Amino acid sequence: TISIYLLSLHSLSLFFSLYKQIAASSVLIMAGRKRRKVKLLAEAIMEGKRVNTEEKKEPHEQQTWSELPTELLELIMSRLTLKENICASAVCKRWLSVAISVRVVSQAPWIMYFPKFGDLYEFYDPSQRKTYSLELLELRGSRVCYTKDGWLLLYRPRTHRLFFFNPFTQELIKLPRFEITYQIVAFSSAPTSPGCIVFTVKHISPTVVAVSTCHPGAVEWTTVNYQNRLPFVSSIWNKLVFCNGLFYCLSLTGWLGVFDPQERTWVIHVVPPPKCPENFFAKNWWKGKFMAEHKGDIFVVYTCCNENPIIFKLDQTKKVWEEMKTLSGVTLFASFLSSHARTDLLGMMRNSVYFSKVRFYGKRCISYSLDDCRYYPRKQCHDWGEQDPFESIWIEPPKDLSTFI
């Protein structure tokens, strides 16, 4: 049994207020009888009385605040200030553990939706489950290529113009004209940083690729053809990440090409492609493949509409792809053109893969938990082969919402 002491009347009052708000918004669904018991318990706490669970009571009367579901505790404590979080953590060991887990959190990326018509763009915050709208006339006639550090890389097919755009600051940086056909494009860092490099690779033949690079302020692109020691089919279905100063490109067939922008070298790593069951290679299977990097590690996610996703991490020492049963607290945010990884997120979001698809009228983002080995919402695995790859993308959110809302 656990005795709960009122260390801070103000903090606990706020805690109970948040609890009632969440209960009212259907986050917590309780039977009428249990709700009455919680209300009685809350009134006792608000009066400054000590609740002694050692007394003999009926089983339903022995339930205490320390027995709230972990997800509910995380949700409530994530809305407390740092001072209130510290006060709440002194209640009991379980509350301490939950309070620490949400005390320092990073911002999860948002999903940015690209409308088929009009200039109104929607942004979905998966942590708060809120949607924001922003009119962006500057993006008219363009398609998205990549995102990183809050910046979009976009392409206008009619004018062959590539440009960077920050939707939250409205900054726009043009690049020299360059025709993009079916190849994918990526960049190393924000275009305002001195080391920003834009990279694309194009298939010429099974043994030849054309690598093109550029940087903000350049007057033209640099293109060099490279011979492949191994067949490397480059197309729009490739996956690109920038990791440890190198561009890694996963081909349609699973081979890994690496470009060093400093040495200007291109090599195909002798790493066998990730192994997946045959049913993962169904129609349009390549749309359900995602790649992300995190602190020097490279992850690849394979999905199938009727199976749980399979996650691989590249072991660069052994030159193999290792299947991962846990991400050790890392959260992957997967979208077709670019994917991201985060740590220090809200506890319930950790060790999961979040996909750029929202269900239930914007109420829930499709995710897969490696802890629970299941999709959320349940049975909501998505057939990515049926989705437009240019429909949505993850993007770094603004630090200050008031700047554009």
Protein backbone atom coordinates (compact mmCIF):
# COMPACT_ATOMS: atom_id res chain seq x y z
CA THR A 1 0.00 0.00 0.00
CA ILE A 2 1.08 3.57 -0.70
CA SER A 3 0.21 6.62 1.38
CA ILE A 4 -0.19 9.83 -0.59
CA TYR A 5 0.77 13.07 1.06
CA LEU A 6 -0.21 16.48 -0.17
CA LEU A 7 3.17 18.17 -0.74
CA SER A 8 1.84 21.03 -2.78
CA LEU A 9 -1.85 21.93 -2.74
CA HIS A 10 -1.45 24.12 -5.81
CA SER A 11 0.35 21.45 -7.86
CA LEU A 12 -2.10 18.73 -6.94
CA SER A 13 -5.02 21.04 -7.63
CA LEU A 14 -3.63 21.68 -11.10
CA PHE A 15 -3.00 17.97 -11.54
CA PHE A 16 -6.62 17.18 -10.71
CA SER A 17 -7.82 19.95 -13.03
CA LEU A 18 -5.85 18.44 -15.90
CA TYR A 19 -7.15 15.03 -14.98
CA LYS A 20 -10.74 16.26 -15.27
CA GLN A 21 -10.02 17.96 -18.62
CA ILE A 22 -8.55 14.80 -20.08
CA ALA A 23 -11.38 12.70 -18.72
CA ALA A 24 -13.88 15.11 -20.30
CA SER A 25 -12.15 14.79 -23.68
CA SER A 26 -12.53 11.01 -23.64
CA VAL A 27 -8.88 10.28 -22.99
CA LEU A 28 -10.04 8.51 -19.85
CA ILE A 29 -13.28 6.53 -19.98
CA MET A 30 -14.51 5.34 -16.64
CA ALA A 31 -17.60 3.62 -15.43
CA GLY A 32 -19.97 5.79 -13.43
CA ARG A 33 -19.28 3.96 -10.22
CA LYS A 34 -15.51 4.31 -10.47
CA ARG A 35 -15.83 7.98 -11.46
CA ARG A 36 -17.77 8.68 -8.26
CA LYS A 37 -15.06 6.99 -6.19
CA VAL A 38 -12.32 9.06 -7.84
CA LYS A 39 -14.34 12.21 -7.24
CA LEU A 40 -14.70 11.36 -3.54
CA LEU A 41 -10.99 10.66 -3.32
CA ALA A 42 -10.15 13.95 -5.03
CA GLU A 43 -12.37 15.86 -2.62
CA ALA A 44 -10.56 14.25 0.29
CA ILE A 45 -7.22 15.30 -1.16
CA MET A 46 -8.37 18.86 -1.82
CA GLU A 47 -9.43 19.17 1.83
CA GLY A 48 -5.89 18.31 2.84
CA LYS A 49 -6.82 14.98 4.35
CA ARG A 50 -4.49 12.04 4.42
CA VAL A 51 -5.69 8.98 2.57
CA ASN A 52 -4.75 5.87 4.46
CA THR A 53 -5.03 2.82 2.23
CA GLU A 54 -4.11 0.54 5.11
CA GLU A 55 -7.64 0.79 6.45
CA LYS A 56 -9.94 -2.04 5.57
CA LYS A 57 -12.18 -0.94 2.75
CA GLU A 58 -14.00 -2.40 -0.14
CA PRO A 59 -11.66 -3.37 -3.06
CA HIS A 60 -12.88 -0.52 -5.26
CA GLU A 61 -12.28 1.99 -2.44
CA GLN A 62 -8.61 1.04 -2.14
CA GLN A 63 -7.72 2.42 -5.56
CA THR A 64 -5.40 5.42 -5.20
CA TRP A 65 -3.96 8.09 -7.45
CA SER A 66 -0.73 6.12 -7.59
CA GLU A 67 -2.59 3.40 -9.50
CA LEU A 68 -3.55 5.56 -12.47
CA PRO A 69 -2.57 4.03 -15.84
CA THR A 70 0.96 4.94 -16.89
CA GLU A 71 -0.13 6.50 -20.19
CA LEU A 72 -2.58 8.77 -18.36
CA LEU A 73 0.07 9.81 -15.83
CA GLU A 74 2.48 10.61 -18.69
CA LEU A 75 -0.15 12.66 -20.49
CA ILE A 76 -1.06 14.68 -17.39
CA MET A 77 2.51 15.24 -16.18
CA SER A 78 3.65 16.29 -19.64
CA ARG A 79 1.38 19.33 -19.26
CA LEU A 80 2.87 20.43 -15.93
CA THR A 81 5.56 23.08 -15.61
CA LEU A 82 9.00 21.98 -14.44
CA LYS A 83 8.31 23.15 -10.88
CA GLU A 84 4.96 21.34 -10.78
CA ASN A 85 6.55 18.24 -12.30
CA ILE A 86 9.13 18.14 -9.51
CA CYS A 87 6.42 18.54 -6.84
CA ALA A 88 4.35 15.74 -8.37
CA SER A 89 7.41 13.46 -8.54
CA ALA A 90 7.64 13.53 -4.73
CA VAL A 91 4.29 11.77 -4.27
CA CYS A 92 5.56 8.20 -4.69
CA LYS A 93 8.17 6.14 -6.53
CA ARG A 94 5.88 5.40 -9.46
CA TRP A 95 5.04 9.07 -9.98
CA LEU A 96 8.74 9.89 -9.70
CA SER A 97 9.55 7.46 -12.50
CA VAL A 98 6.84 8.85 -14.78
CA ALA A 99 7.68 12.48 -13.96
CA ILE A 100 11.34 11.96 -14.89
CA SER A 101 10.40 10.19 -18.13
CA VAL A 102 8.50 13.27 -19.40
CA ARG A 103 10.51 16.02 -17.71
CA VAL A 104 12.88 16.72 -20.59
CA VAL A 105 11.27 16.14 -23.95
CA SER A 106 12.12 16.97 -27.52
CA GLN A 107 9.60 18.20 -30.03
CA ALA A 108 8.25 15.54 -32.34
CA PRO A 109 8.23 16.47 -36.04
CA TRP A 110 4.95 17.43 -37.68
CA ILE A 111 3.28 15.98 -40.75
CA MET A 112 2.97 18.52 -43.55
CA TYR A 113 0.20 17.82 -46.07
CA PHE A 114 0.41 19.04 -49.65
CA PRO A 115 -3.02 19.87 -51.09
CA LYS A 116 -4.00 18.78 -54.59
CA PHE A 117 -5.69 22.14 -55.07
CA GLY A 118 -5.27 25.54 -53.44
CA ASP A 119 -2.57 27.08 -51.27
CA LEU A 120 -3.74 26.02 -47.79
CA TYR A 121 -1.32 23.58 -46.15
CA GLU A 122 -2.07 21.57 -43.02
CA PHE A 123 0.41 20.60 -40.30
CA TYR A 124 -0.37 17.80 -37.86
CA ASP A 125 1.30 17.59 -34.43
CA PRO A 126 1.25 13.90 -33.35
CA SER A 127 2.16 14.62 -29.72
CA GLN A 128 -0.73 17.05 -29.14
CA ARG A 129 -2.96 15.61 -31.87
CA LYS A 130 -3.65 19.07 -33.23
CA THR A 131 -3.82 20.36 -36.79
CA TYR A 132 -2.71 23.82 -37.91
CA SER A 133 -3.23 25.52 -41.26
CA LEU A 134 -1.02 27.91 -43.18
CA GLU A 135 -1.46 29.57 -46.56
CA LEU A 136 1.73 29.31 -48.63
CA LEU A 137 1.45 31.00 -52.01
CA GLU A 138 5.19 30.55 -52.56
CA LEU A 139 4.78 26.79 -53.06
CA ARG A 140 2.31 27.05 -55.93
CA GLY A 141 3.30 24.82 -58.86
CA SER A 142 6.01 22.96 -56.92
CA ARG A 143 6.47 19.49 -55.48
CA VAL A 144 8.37 18.55 -52.36
CA CYS A 145 11.67 16.66 -52.59
CA TYR A 146 13.10 16.52 -49.05
CA THR A 147 13.00 18.08 -45.57
CA LYS A 148 15.64 18.67 -42.92
CA ASP A 149 16.11 21.11 -40.02
CA GLY A 150 12.72 22.73 -40.68
CA TRP A 151 13.50 23.47 -44.36
CA LEU A 152 11.76 22.15 -47.46
CA LEU A 153 13.56 21.41 -50.71
CA LEU A 154 11.11 21.88 -53.58
CA TYR A 155 11.10 21.61 -57.36
CA ARG A 156 9.08 23.40 -60.03
CA PRO A 157 8.86 21.07 -63.05
CA ARG A 158 7.77 23.82 -65.46
CA THR A 159 10.83 26.00 -64.82
CA HIS A 160 13.28 23.33 -63.56
CA ARG A 161 13.81 25.50 -60.50
CA LEU A 162 14.94 23.96 -57.20
CA PHE A 163 14.61 26.08 -54.08
CA PHE A 164 14.64 25.93 -50.29
CA PHE A 165 11.70 27.24 -48.31
CA ASN A 166 11.02 27.51 -44.59
CA PRO A 167 7.23 27.50 -44.15
CA PHE A 168 7.41 29.01 -40.67
CA THR A 169 9.79 31.91 -41.34
CA GLN A 170 8.79 32.37 -45.02
CA GLU A 171 12.48 32.40 -46.05
CA LEU A 172 13.20 31.31 -49.63
CA ILE A 173 16.61 30.42 -51.09
CA LYS A 174 16.96 29.65 -54.79
CA LEU A 175 19.32 27.15 -56.40
CA PRO A 176 20.54 27.06 -60.01
CA ARG A 177 18.13 25.50 -62.49
CA PHE A 178 18.45 21.74 -62.82
CA GLU A 179 16.17 19.19 -64.42
CA ILE A 180 14.90 16.56 -62.00
CA THR A 181 13.24 13.62 -63.74
CA TYR A 182 12.70 10.54 -61.60
CA GLN A 183 15.63 10.75 -59.18
CA ILE A 184 15.37 11.67 -55.51
CA VAL A 185 17.19 14.67 -53.97
CA ALA A 186 18.54 15.33 -50.47
CA PHE A 187 20.61 17.93 -48.63
CA SER A 188 23.06 17.70 -45.75
CA SER A 189 21.99 20.57 -43.45
CA ALA A 190 19.98 23.78 -43.32
CA PRO A 191 20.72 26.02 -46.34
CA THR A 192 21.69 28.83 -43.97
CA SER A 193 24.61 26.75 -42.65
CA PRO A 194 28.00 27.04 -44.41
CA GLY A 195 28.33 23.31 -45.12
CA CYS A 196 25.00 22.74 -46.87
CA ILE A 197 25.29 20.40 -49.87
CA VAL A 198 22.47 19.31 -52.18
CA PHE A 199 22.88 15.83 -53.66
CA THR A 200 21.14 13.70 -56.26
CA VAL A 201 22.08 10.50 -58.06
CA LYS A 202 20.71 9.39 -61.43
CA HIS A 203 20.79 5.99 -63.08
CA ILE A 204 22.61 5.99 -66.43
CA SER A 205 23.14 2.25 -66.87
CA PRO A 206 23.46 -0.79 -64.56
CA THR A 207 27.12 0.07 -64.05
CA VAL A 208 27.08 3.89 -64.33
CA VAL A 209 25.43 6.60 -62.21
CA ALA A 210 25.54 10.38 -62.51
CA VAL A 211 26.06 12.20 -59.21
CA SER A 212 25.10 15.89 -59.15
CA THR A 213 25.83 18.31 -56.32
CA CYS A 214 25.22 21.97 -55.58
CA HIS A 215 25.15 24.42 -52.68
CA PRO A 216 23.37 27.69 -51.87
CA GLY A 217 25.09 30.55 -53.66
CA ALA A 218 26.46 28.37 -56.49
CA VAL A 219 25.81 29.40 -60.09
CA GLU A 220 25.61 25.87 -61.51
CA TRP A 221 25.45 22.20 -60.60
CA THR A 222 28.44 19.84 -60.73
CA THR A 223 27.77 16.45 -62.34
CA VAL A 224 30.19 13.51 -62.49
CA ASN A 225 29.59 10.01 -63.85
CA TYR A 226 30.82 7.10 -61.73
CA GLN A 227 31.35 3.45 -62.56
CA ASN A 228 29.72 0.91 -60.25
CA ARG A 229 31.51 -2.25 -59.20
CA LEU A 230 28.09 -3.73 -58.44
CA PRO A 231 24.77 -3.14 -60.24
CA PHE A 232 23.00 -0.14 -58.72
CA VAL A 233 19.58 0.83 -60.07
CA SER A 234 18.91 4.45 -59.14
CA SER A 235 15.38 5.83 -59.32
CA ILE A 236 12.86 7.96 -57.46
CA TRP A 237 12.25 4.98 -55.20
CA ASN A 238 15.72 5.29 -53.67
CA LYS A 239 16.15 6.36 -50.06
CA LEU A 240 18.69 9.01 -49.11
CA VAL A 241 20.18 10.07 -45.77
CA PHE A 242 23.17 12.19 -44.79
CA CYS A 243 25.16 10.56 -41.98
CA ASN A 244 28.66 11.24 -40.61
CA GLY A 245 29.54 13.49 -43.54
CA LEU A 246 28.42 10.99 -46.20
CA PHE A 247 25.32 10.55 -48.36
CA TYR A 248 23.90 7.02 -48.13
CA CYS A 249 21.63 5.91 -50.94
CA LEU A 250 19.62 2.68 -50.71
CA SER A 251 18.76 1.39 -54.17
CA LEU A 252 15.51 -0.19 -55.26
CA THR A 253 17.11 -3.63 -54.93
CA GLY A 254 18.59 -2.95 -51.48
CA TRP A 255 22.21 -2.14 -52.35
CA LEU A 256 23.88 0.74 -50.53
CA GLY A 257 25.72 3.45 -52.46
CA VAL A 258 27.85 5.99 -50.56
CA PHE A 259 29.00 9.40 -51.77
CA ASP A 260 31.72 11.40 -50.01
CA PRO A 261 31.18 15.10 -50.89
CA GLN A 262 34.63 16.08 -49.64
CA GLU A 263 36.60 13.45 -51.54
CA ARG A 264 33.99 13.31 -54.32
CA THR A 265 34.03 9.51 -54.36
CA TRP A 266 31.19 7.08 -55.00
CA VAL A 267 31.30 3.44 -53.87
CA ILE A 268 28.85 0.57 -53.53
CA HIS A 269 29.18 -1.07 -50.13
CA VAL A 270 29.46 -4.83 -50.20
CA VAL A 271 26.54 -5.21 -47.79
CA PRO A 272 23.88 -7.80 -48.69
CA PRO A 273 20.40 -6.21 -48.91
CA PRO A 274 18.09 -6.56 -45.89
CA LYS A 275 16.27 -9.90 -45.88
CA CYS A 276 12.48 -9.77 -45.81
CA PRO A 277 9.79 -12.44 -46.26
CA GLU A 278 8.55 -12.92 -49.81
CA ASN A 279 5.14 -11.43 -49.04
CA PHE A 280 6.81 -8.07 -48.34
CA PHE A 281 7.58 -7.75 -52.05
CA ALA A 282 4.02 -7.38 -53.25
CA LYS A 283 2.64 -4.78 -55.65
CA ASN A 284 4.24 -1.34 -55.10
CA TRP A 285 6.24 -2.73 -52.16
CA TRP A 286 8.93 -0.07 -52.61
CA LYS A 287 6.52 2.61 -51.40
CA GLY A 288 6.52 0.97 -47.98
CA LYS A 289 10.29 1.24 -47.49
CA PHE A 290 11.78 4.02 -45.34
CA MET A 291 15.29 5.01 -44.23
CA ALA A 292 16.45 7.30 -41.40
CA GLU A 293 19.66 8.10 -39.54
CA HIS A 294 20.28 8.77 -35.87
CA LYS A 295 23.63 9.65 -34.29
CA GLY A 296 25.65 7.69 -36.82
CA ASP A 297 23.24 4.76 -37.11
CA ILE A 298 21.21 4.05 -40.24
CA PHE A 299 17.79 2.41 -39.99
CA VAL A 300 15.63 0.90 -42.72
CA VAL A 301 11.94 0.09 -42.21
CA TYR A 302 10.13 -2.39 -44.45
CA THR A 303 6.34 -2.58 -44.25
CA CYS A 304 3.66 -4.87 -45.61
CA CYS A 305 -0.06 -4.16 -45.34
CA ASN A 306 -0.80 -7.50 -43.64
CA GLU A 307 2.32 -7.85 -41.48
CA ASN A 308 4.13 -6.00 -38.73
CA PRO A 309 6.98 -3.83 -40.04
CA ILE A 310 10.56 -5.11 -39.98
CA ILE A 311 13.29 -2.70 -38.87
CA PHE A 312 16.97 -3.09 -39.73
CA LYS A 313 20.04 -1.23 -38.52
CA LEU A 314 23.28 -1.15 -40.50
CA ASP A 315 26.22 -2.69 -38.66
CA GLN A 316 29.05 -0.91 -40.44
CA THR A 317 31.69 -3.05 -38.75
CA LYS A 318 30.25 -6.42 -39.74
CA LYS A 319 28.82 -5.05 -43.02
CA VAL A 320 25.38 -6.53 -42.39
CA TRP A 321 21.83 -5.33 -41.77
CA GLU A 322 20.68 -6.45 -38.32
CA GLU A 323 16.99 -6.89 -37.57
CA MET A 324 15.98 -4.78 -34.56
CA LYS A 325 13.53 -5.95 -31.90
CA THR A 326 13.87 -2.67 -30.00
CA LEU A 327 14.96 0.87 -30.82
CA SER A 328 16.15 1.51 -27.24
CA GLY A 329 13.90 4.52 -26.81
CA VAL A 330 14.45 6.01 -30.28
CA THR A 331 11.36 7.04 -32.25
CA LEU A 332 11.36 6.89 -36.05
CA PHE A 333 9.12 9.16 -38.12
CA ALA A 334 8.75 7.56 -41.53
CA SER A 335 7.61 9.22 -44.73
CA PHE A 336 8.31 8.38 -48.33
CA LEU A 337 10.70 11.19 -49.26
CA SER A 338 12.50 11.72 -45.95
CA SER A 339 12.35 10.18 -42.48
CA HIS A 340 13.53 11.39 -39.08
CA ALA A 341 14.57 9.99 -35.70
CA ARG A 342 14.15 11.44 -32.21
CA THR A 343 14.97 10.65 -28.59
CA ASP A 344 13.67 12.19 -25.35
CA LEU A 345 10.08 12.22 -26.53
CA LEU A 346 6.96 11.66 -24.46
CA GLY A 347 7.20 8.20 -22.90
CA MET A 348 4.33 6.68 -24.86
CA MET A 349 5.94 7.75 -28.16
CA ARG A 350 9.29 6.09 -27.53
CA ASN A 351 10.51 2.88 -29.16
CA SER A 352 7.98 3.28 -31.96
CA VAL A 353 7.68 4.05 -35.65
CA TYR A 354 5.28 6.85 -36.59
CA PHE A 355 4.00 6.98 -40.15
CA SER A 356 2.81 10.05 -42.06
CA LYS A 357 -0.81 8.96 -42.08
CA VAL A 358 -3.58 10.09 -39.71
CA ARG A 359 -6.77 8.17 -38.95
CA PHE A 360 -10.07 8.93 -37.23
CA TYR A 361 -10.51 12.42 -38.66
CA GLY A 362 -7.14 13.68 -37.49
CA LYS A 363 -7.32 12.16 -34.02
CA ARG A 364 -4.63 9.51 -34.26
CA CYS A 365 -1.41 9.06 -36.21
CA ILE A 366 -0.67 5.52 -37.38
CA SER A 367 2.23 4.13 -35.37
CA TYR A 368 3.84 0.81 -34.55
CA SER A 369 5.08 0.06 -31.04
CA LEU A 370 8.06 -2.27 -30.73
CA ASP A 371 7.26 -2.71 -27.04
CA ASP A 372 3.74 -3.97 -27.73
CA CYS A 373 4.45 -5.49 -31.19
CA ARG A 374 1.30 -3.94 -32.64
CA TYR A 375 -0.05 -1.01 -34.60
CA TYR A 376 -1.91 1.90 -33.03
CA PRO A 377 -4.79 2.32 -33.59
CA ARG A 378 -5.30 -1.44 -33.61
CA LYS A 379 -5.54 -3.09 -37.03
CA GLN A 380 -4.64 0.17 -38.75
CA CYS A 381 -1.63 -1.04 -40.73
CA HIS A 382 -1.61 0.91 -43.98
CA ASP A 383 -1.04 -0.18 -47.57
CA TRP A 384 1.59 2.36 -48.62
CA GLY A 385 1.41 1.09 -52.18
CA GLU A 386 -1.92 2.89 -52.49
CA GLN A 387 -0.70 6.25 -51.18
CA ASP A 388 0.63 9.19 -53.17
CA PRO A 389 4.29 9.53 -52.06
CA PHE A 390 4.14 13.32 -52.49
CA GLU A 391 1.05 13.72 -50.31
CA SER A 392 2.80 14.31 -46.99
CA ILE A 393 6.19 14.59 -45.32
CA TRP A 394 7.60 15.00 -41.79
CA ILE A 395 9.06 18.41 -40.97
CA GLU A 396 10.75 19.98 -37.94
CA PRO A 397 8.14 22.13 -36.12
CA PRO A 398 8.62 25.80 -35.24
CA LYS A 399 9.91 26.62 -31.77
CA ASP A 400 7.35 29.37 -31.34
CA LEU A 401 3.80 28.66 -32.51
CA SER A 402 2.79 32.30 -32.17
CA THR A 403 5.01 33.24 -35.10
CA PHE A 404 2.59 31.85 -37.66
CA ILE A 405 -0.67 30.83 -35.93
